[in-house]
């Protein structure tokens, strides 16, 4: 999965202890800081 991310500056964030794909969406709602920091670095205004 990591190798298929088509960017040189890439991150793969694994949510430990999860067996449901919905946990990723719920995690973003609880603590978006890591993902928002990535978007701030890579998305132009």
PDB file of N, CA and C in Angstrom:
ATOM      1  N   UNK A   1       0.823  -1.173   0.000  1.00  0.00           N
ATOM      2  CA  UNK A   1       0.000   0.000   0.000  1.00  0.00           C
ATOM      3  C   UNK A   1       0.886   1.263   0.000  1.00  0.00           C
ATOM      4  N   UNK A   2       1.895   1.271   0.854  1.00  0.00           N
ATOM      5  CA  UNK A   2       2.793   2.418   0.938  1.00  0.00           C
ATOM      6  C   UNK A   2       3.505   2.673  -0.384  1.00  0.00           C
ATOM      7  N   UNK A   3       3.964   1.625  -1.010  1.00  0.00           N
ATOM      8  CA  UNK A   3       4.689   1.758  -2.286  1.00  0.00           C
ATOM      9  C   UNK A   3       3.808   2.331  -3.390  1.00  0.00           C
ATOM     10  N   UNK A   4       2.515   2.175  -3.307  1.00  0.00           N
ATOM     11  CA  UNK A   4       1.603   2.672  -4.339  1.00  0.00           C
ATOM     12  C   UNK A   4       1.213   4.131  -4.167  1.00  0.00           C
ATOM     13  N   UNK A   5       1.622   4.766  -3.089  1.00  0.00           N
ATOM     14  CA  UNK A   5       1.351   6.197  -2.921  1.00  0.00           C
ATOM     15  C   UNK A   5       2.283   6.939  -3.876  1.00  0.00           C
ATOM     16  N   UNK A   6       1.736   7.691  -4.850  1.00  0.00           N
ATOM     17  CA  UNK A   6       2.561   8.232  -5.928  1.00  0.00           C
ATOM     18  C   UNK A   6       3.228   9.572  -5.597  1.00  0.00           C
ATOM     19  N   UNK A   7       3.779   9.735  -4.407  1.00  0.00           N
ATOM     20  CA  UNK A   7       4.439  10.984  -4.029  1.00  0.00           C
ATOM     21  C   UNK A   7       5.762  10.657  -3.352  1.00  0.00           C
ATOM     22  N   UNK A   8       6.780  11.475  -3.554  1.00  0.00           N
ATOM     23  CA  UNK A   8       8.052  11.211  -2.873  1.00  0.00           C
ATOM     24  C   UNK A   8       7.962  11.471  -1.363  1.00  0.00           C
ATOM     25  N   UNK A   9       7.186  12.467  -0.961  1.00  0.00           N
ATOM     26  CA  UNK A   9       6.991  12.779   0.457  1.00  0.00           C
ATOM     27  C   UNK A   9       5.678  12.134   0.889  1.00  0.00           C
ATOM     28  N   UNK A  10       5.746  10.904   1.362  1.00  0.00           N
ATOM     29  CA  UNK A  10       4.513  10.181   1.648  1.00  0.00           C
ATOM     30  C   UNK A  10       4.503   9.672   3.074  1.00  0.00           C
ATOM     31  N   UNK A  11       3.311   9.489   3.569  1.00  0.00           N
ATOM     32  CA  UNK A  11       3.125   8.941   4.899  1.00  0.00           C
ATOM     33  C   UNK A  11       1.979   7.938   4.851  1.00  0.00           C
ATOM     34  N   UNK A  12       2.107   6.899   5.626  1.00  0.00           N
ATOM     35  CA  UNK A  12       1.042   5.937   5.803  1.00  0.00           C
ATOM     36  C   UNK A  12       0.778   5.878   7.295  1.00  0.00           C
ATOM     37  N   UNK A  13      -0.417   6.223   7.690  1.00  0.00           N
ATOM     38  CA  UNK A  13      -0.783   6.270   9.098  1.00  0.00           C
ATOM     39  C   UNK A  13      -1.699   5.102   9.402  1.00  0.00           C
ATOM     40  N   UNK A  14      -1.235   4.202  10.258  1.00  0.00           N
ATOM     41  CA  UNK A  14      -1.990   3.002  10.584  1.00  0.00           C
ATOM     42  C   UNK A  14      -2.686   3.209  11.922  1.00  0.00           C
ATOM     43  N   UNK A  15      -3.974   2.962  11.959  1.00  0.00           N
ATOM     44  CA  UNK A  15      -4.737   3.082  13.197  1.00  0.00           C
ATOM     45  C   UNK A  15      -4.705   1.719  13.881  1.00  0.00           C
ATOM     46  N   UNK A  16      -3.989   1.642  14.987  1.00  0.00           N
ATOM     47  CA  UNK A  16      -3.811   0.379  15.705  1.00  0.00           C
ATOM     48  C   UNK A  16      -5.116  -0.090  16.347  1.00  0.00           C
ATOM     49  N   UNK A  17      -5.296  -1.390  16.388  1.00  0.00           N
ATOM     50  CA  UNK A  17      -6.417  -1.998  17.074  1.00  0.00           C
ATOM     51  C   UNK A  17      -7.753  -1.869  16.361  1.00  0.00           C
ATOM     52  N   UNK A  18      -7.732  -1.545  15.093  1.00  0.00           N
ATOM     53  CA  UNK A  18      -8.966  -1.360  14.346  1.00  0.00           C
ATOM     54  C   UNK A  18      -9.208  -2.536  13.410  1.00  0.00           C
ATOM     55  N   UNK A  19     -10.452  -2.943  13.315  1.00  0.00           N
ATOM     56  CA  UNK A  19     -10.820  -3.967  12.341  1.00  0.00           C
ATOM     57  C   UNK A  19     -11.888  -3.443  11.387  1.00  0.00           C
ATOM     58  N   UNK A  20     -12.215  -2.175  11.507  1.00  0.00           N
ATOM     59  CA  UNK A  20     -13.264  -1.582  10.687  1.00  0.00           C
ATOM     60  C   UNK A  20     -12.720  -0.398   9.897  1.00  0.00           C
ATOM     61  N   UNK A  21     -13.030  -0.350   8.627  1.00  0.00           N
ATOM     62  CA  UNK A  21     -12.544   0.772   7.808  1.00  0.00           C
ATOM     63  C   UNK A  21     -13.135   2.095   8.264  1.00  0.00           C
ATOM     64  N   UNK A  22     -14.284   2.054   8.911  1.00  0.00           N
ATOM     65  CA  UNK A  22     -14.921   3.296   9.366  1.00  0.00           C
ATOM     66  C   UNK A  22     -14.138   3.972  10.481  1.00  0.00           C
ATOM     67  N   UNK A  23     -13.279   3.225  11.152  1.00  0.00           N
ATOM     68  CA  UNK A  23     -12.478   3.814  12.219  1.00  0.00           C
ATOM     69  C   UNK A  23     -11.588   4.942  11.692  1.00  0.00           C
ATOM     70  N   UNK A  24     -11.188   4.855  10.449  1.00  0.00           N
ATOM     71  CA  UNK A  24     -10.384   5.931   9.856  1.00  0.00           C
ATOM     72  C   UNK A  24     -11.158   7.229   9.765  1.00  0.00           C
ATOM     73  N   UNK A  25     -12.399   7.162   9.377  1.00  0.00           N
ATOM     74  CA  UNK A  25     -13.223   8.363   9.299  1.00  0.00           C
ATOM     75  C   UNK A  25     -13.500   8.916  10.692  1.00  0.00           C
ATOM     76  N   UNK A  26     -13.739   8.034  11.631  1.00  0.00           N
ATOM     77  CA  UNK A  26     -13.996   8.462  12.999  1.00  0.00           C
ATOM     78  C   UNK A  26     -12.746   9.076  13.625  1.00  0.00           C
ATOM     79  N   UNK A  27     -11.578   8.520  13.296  1.00  0.00           N
ATOM     80  CA  UNK A  27     -10.321   9.056  13.823  1.00  0.00           C
ATOM     81  C   UNK A  27     -10.108  10.482  13.340  1.00  0.00           C
ATOM     82  N   UNK A  28     -10.389  10.745  12.083  1.00  0.00           N
ATOM     83  CA  UNK A  28     -10.237  12.092  11.540  1.00  0.00           C
ATOM     84  C   UNK A  28     -11.113  13.082  12.295  1.00  0.00           C
ATOM     85  N   UNK A  29     -12.320  12.680  12.646  1.00  0.00           N
ATOM     86  CA  UNK A  29     -13.221  13.559  13.390  1.00  0.00           C
ATOM     87  C   UNK A  29     -12.707  13.822  14.805  1.00  0.00           C
ATOM     88  N   UNK A  30     -12.034  12.842  15.391  1.00  0.00           N
ATOM     89  CA  UNK A  30     -11.529  12.985  16.763  1.00  0.00           C
ATOM     90  C   UNK A  30     -10.219  13.760  16.821  1.00  0.00           C
ATOM     91  N   UNK A  31      -9.310  13.508  15.882  1.00  0.00           N
ATOM     92  CA  UNK A  31      -7.988  14.138  15.916  1.00  0.00           C
ATOM     93  C   UNK A  31      -7.467  14.351  14.497  1.00  0.00           C
ATOM     94  N   UNK A  32      -7.871  15.442  13.854  1.00  0.00           N
ATOM     95  CA  UNK A  32      -7.478  15.670  12.465  1.00  0.00           C
ATOM     96  C   UNK A  32      -6.087  16.286  12.297  1.00  0.00           C
ATOM     97  N   UNK A  33      -5.374  16.561  13.377  1.00  0.00           N
ATOM     98  CA  UNK A  33      -4.136  17.342  13.297  1.00  0.00           C
ATOM     99  C   UNK A  33      -3.093  16.751  12.349  1.00  0.00           C
ATOM    100  N   UNK A  34      -2.858  15.477  12.406  1.00  0.00           N
ATOM    101  CA  UNK A  34      -1.831  14.858  11.549  1.00  0.00           C
ATOM    102  C   UNK A  34      -2.202  14.979  10.071  1.00  0.00           C
ATOM    103  N   UNK A  35      -3.440  14.717   9.746  1.00  0.00           N
ATOM    104  CA  UNK A  35      -3.884  14.775   8.353  1.00  0.00           C
ATOM    105  C   UNK A  35      -3.948  16.219   7.844  1.00  0.00           C
ATOM    106  N   UNK A  36      -4.401  17.131   8.667  1.00  0.00           N
ATOM    107  CA  UNK A  36      -4.455  18.535   8.261  1.00  0.00           C
ATOM    108  C   UNK A  36      -3.064  19.108   8.043  1.00  0.00           C
ATOM    109  N   UNK A  37      -2.107  18.692   8.850  1.00  0.00           N
ATOM    110  CA  UNK A  37      -0.727  19.140   8.654  1.00  0.00           C
ATOM    111  C   UNK A  37      -0.201  18.663   7.299  1.00  0.00           C
ATOM    112  N   UNK A  38      -0.534  17.422   6.919  1.00  0.00           N
ATOM    113  CA  UNK A  38      -0.116  16.909   5.611  1.00  0.00           C
ATOM    114  C   UNK A  38      -0.739  17.727   4.498  1.00  0.00           C
ATOM    115  N   UNK A  39      -2.034  18.001   4.593  1.00  0.00           N
ATOM    116  CA  UNK A  39      -2.720  18.810   3.572  1.00  0.00           C
ATOM    117  C   UNK A  39      -2.120  20.212   3.501  1.00  0.00           C
ATOM    118  N   UNK A  40      -1.779  20.799   4.634  1.00  0.00           N
ATOM    119  CA  UNK A  40      -1.162  22.129   4.638  1.00  0.00           C
ATOM    120  C   UNK A  40       0.158  22.134   3.881  1.00  0.00           C
ATOM    121  N   UNK A  41       0.914  21.051   3.962  1.00  0.00           N
ATOM    122  CA  UNK A  41       2.191  20.983   3.254  1.00  0.00           C
ATOM    123  C   UNK A  41       2.034  20.738   1.764  1.00  0.00           C
ATOM    124  N   UNK A  42       0.947  20.093   1.336  1.00  0.00           N
ATOM    125  CA  UNK A  42       0.866  19.629  -0.050  1.00  0.00           C
ATOM    126  C   UNK A  42      -0.231  20.259  -0.898  1.00  0.00           C
ATOM    127  N   UNK A  43      -1.126  20.988  -0.316  1.00  0.00           N
ATOM    128  CA  UNK A  43      -2.217  21.576  -1.074  1.00  0.00           C
ATOM    129  C   UNK A  43      -2.020  23.095  -1.118  1.00  0.00           C
ATOM    130  N   UNK A  44      -1.919  23.618  -2.310  1.00  0.00           N
ATOM    131  CA  UNK A  44      -1.716  25.068  -2.487  1.00  0.00           C
ATOM    132  C   UNK A  44      -3.014  25.817  -2.247  1.00  0.00           C
ATOM    133  N   UNK A  45      -2.866  27.041  -1.820  1.00  0.00           N
ATOM    134  CA  UNK A  45      -4.047  27.917  -1.626  1.00  0.00           C
ATOM    135  C   UNK A  45      -4.706  28.267  -2.920  1.00  0.00           C
TER     136      UNK A  45
END
